[in-house]
Protein backbone atom coordinates (compact mmCIF):
# COMPACT_ATOMS: atom_id res chain seq x y z
CA MET A 1 27.92 35.87 -3.05
CA PHE A 2 29.39 32.96 -2.83
CA GLU A 3 32.57 32.83 -4.51
CA PHE A 4 34.85 29.24 -4.03
CA THR A 5 37.86 29.32 -2.61
CA ARG A 6 39.79 26.48 -3.41
CA ILE A 7 38.32 23.03 -5.11
CA ASN A 8 37.81 19.99 -3.32
CA THR A 9 39.95 17.15 -3.45
CA LYS A 10 39.74 14.23 -3.28
CA GLU A 11 42.30 13.60 -0.41
CA ASP A 12 39.19 16.36 1.44
CA HIS A 13 36.59 13.76 2.01
CA ASP A 14 38.13 10.52 1.18
CA GLY A 15 35.97 9.02 -1.13
CA ASP A 16 32.80 9.99 0.77
CA ILE A 17 30.52 12.27 -0.94
CA GLU A 18 28.57 12.83 2.12
CA GLN A 19 31.45 13.97 4.09
CA GLY A 20 30.86 17.74 2.79
CA THR A 21 27.89 19.47 3.60
CA LEU A 22 25.85 19.95 -0.20
CA TYR A 23 26.09 23.51 -0.11
CA PRO A 24 28.17 26.96 1.52
CA GLY A 25 26.21 28.06 4.88
CA LEU A 26 24.93 24.90 5.30
CA SER A 27 25.20 23.24 8.93
CA HIS A 28 26.28 19.80 10.51
CA GLY A 29 22.48 19.47 11.68
CA GLU A 30 21.04 20.48 8.33
CA ASN A 31 23.03 18.75 6.30
CA VAL A 32 22.83 15.65 7.91
CA LEU A 33 18.58 15.93 7.76
CA ARG A 34 19.13 16.61 3.77
CA TRP A 35 20.99 13.89 3.08
CA GLY A 36 18.72 11.54 5.00
CA PHE A 37 15.77 13.26 2.55
CA ILE A 38 18.08 12.65 0.09
CA ARG A 39 18.45 8.77 1.00
CA LYS A 40 14.66 8.13 1.47
CA VAL A 41 14.06 9.38 -2.05
CA TYR A 42 16.14 6.95 -3.94
CA ASP A 43 14.65 4.20 -1.53
CA ILE A 44 11.51 4.77 -2.41
CA LEU A 45 12.20 5.24 -6.46
CA ALA A 46 14.07 2.19 -5.51
CA ALA A 47 11.24 0.37 -4.42
CA GLN A 48 8.71 1.80 -7.10
CA MET A 49 11.19 0.45 -10.05
CA VAL A 50 11.69 -3.49 -8.43
CA LEU A 51 7.72 -3.24 -7.88
CA THR A 52 7.49 -2.56 -11.37
CA THR A 53 10.05 -4.68 -12.97
CA ALA A 54 7.99 -7.76 -10.90
CA VAL A 55 4.82 -6.78 -11.75
CA SER A 56 6.11 -6.35 -15.44
CA PHE A 57 7.65 -10.03 -15.41
CA LEU A 58 4.35 -11.35 -14.28
CA THR A 59 2.71 -10.04 -16.76
CA VAL A 60 4.46 -11.01 -19.60
CA LEU A 61 6.06 -14.07 -18.50
CA TYR A 62 3.06 -15.66 -16.72
CA ALA A 63 0.97 -17.37 -19.71
CA PRO A 64 -2.69 -16.95 -18.15
CA ILE A 65 -2.05 -13.43 -16.80
CA ASN A 66 -1.40 -12.46 -20.60
CA ASP A 67 -3.81 -14.55 -22.20
CA LEU A 68 -6.30 -13.09 -19.73
CA LEU A 69 -4.73 -9.28 -20.66
CA ARG A 70 -4.66 -9.72 -24.26
CA GLY A 71 -7.98 -11.02 -25.42
CA ASN A 72 -10.02 -8.27 -22.72
CA SER A 73 -9.31 -5.04 -23.88
CA GLY A 74 -11.73 -4.13 -21.49
CA LEU A 75 -10.18 -5.01 -18.48
CA LEU A 76 -6.84 -3.84 -19.66
CA MET A 77 -8.47 -0.48 -20.14
CA PHE A 78 -9.87 -0.57 -16.90
CA LEU A 79 -6.65 -1.18 -15.58
CA VAL A 80 -5.03 0.83 -17.23
CA PHE A 81 -7.47 4.04 -15.58
CA LEU A 82 -7.99 2.52 -11.70
CA PRO A 83 -5.24 4.42 -10.85
CA PHE A 84 -6.86 7.86 -11.73
CA VAL A 85 -10.05 7.07 -10.29
CA ARG A 86 -8.85 5.40 -7.81
CA GLU A 87 -6.70 9.28 -7.32
CA LYS A 88 -9.68 11.36 -7.51
CA ARG A 89 -11.05 9.37 -5.10
CA PHE A 90 -9.12 9.84 -2.41
CA GLU A 91 -8.73 14.02 -3.43
CA GLU A 92 -12.52 13.62 -2.23
CA VAL A 93 -11.63 12.21 0.84
CA ARG A 94 -8.87 14.15 1.28
CA ARG A 95 -11.44 17.39 0.80
CA HIS A 96 -14.19 16.51 2.66
CA GLY A 97 -12.28 15.76 5.97
CA LEU A 98 -12.78 12.25 8.28
CA MET A 99 -15.44 9.59 7.04
CA SER A 100 -17.13 7.26 9.16
CA THR A 101 -15.48 3.88 9.53
CA SER A 102 -17.22 1.75 7.19
CA ARG A 103 -17.33 4.04 4.10
CA ARG A 104 -13.27 4.85 5.43
CA SER A 105 -13.04 0.81 4.12
CA LEU A 106 -14.82 0.91 1.46
CA ALA A 107 -13.11 4.05 0.06
CA ASN A 108 -9.98 1.55 0.44
CA LEU A 109 -10.57 -0.29 -2.16
CA PHE A 110 -11.42 1.99 -4.56
């Protein structure tokens, strides 16, 4: 079905990987759209890694936070499970539709 007729060389694209298409039969517009999506995904992943690293450094190197978490296992467990509780809450909001403004602001807190 898809057969390779020749091997692309470095001279074909002059070192630019985005110059070619992702796979055969893809139009130029679709190719640009897909590369844009791939770029956004990697940007989000990079931002998450930087934020995770910053929070980790702050937690480990800042003595008051480190001592607080080391001495209070209940708070540590609460912070570990908080993202799961928050995700469940937003799933309920999505399922039931729009809420009133006061309830929406309250839901943003949790």
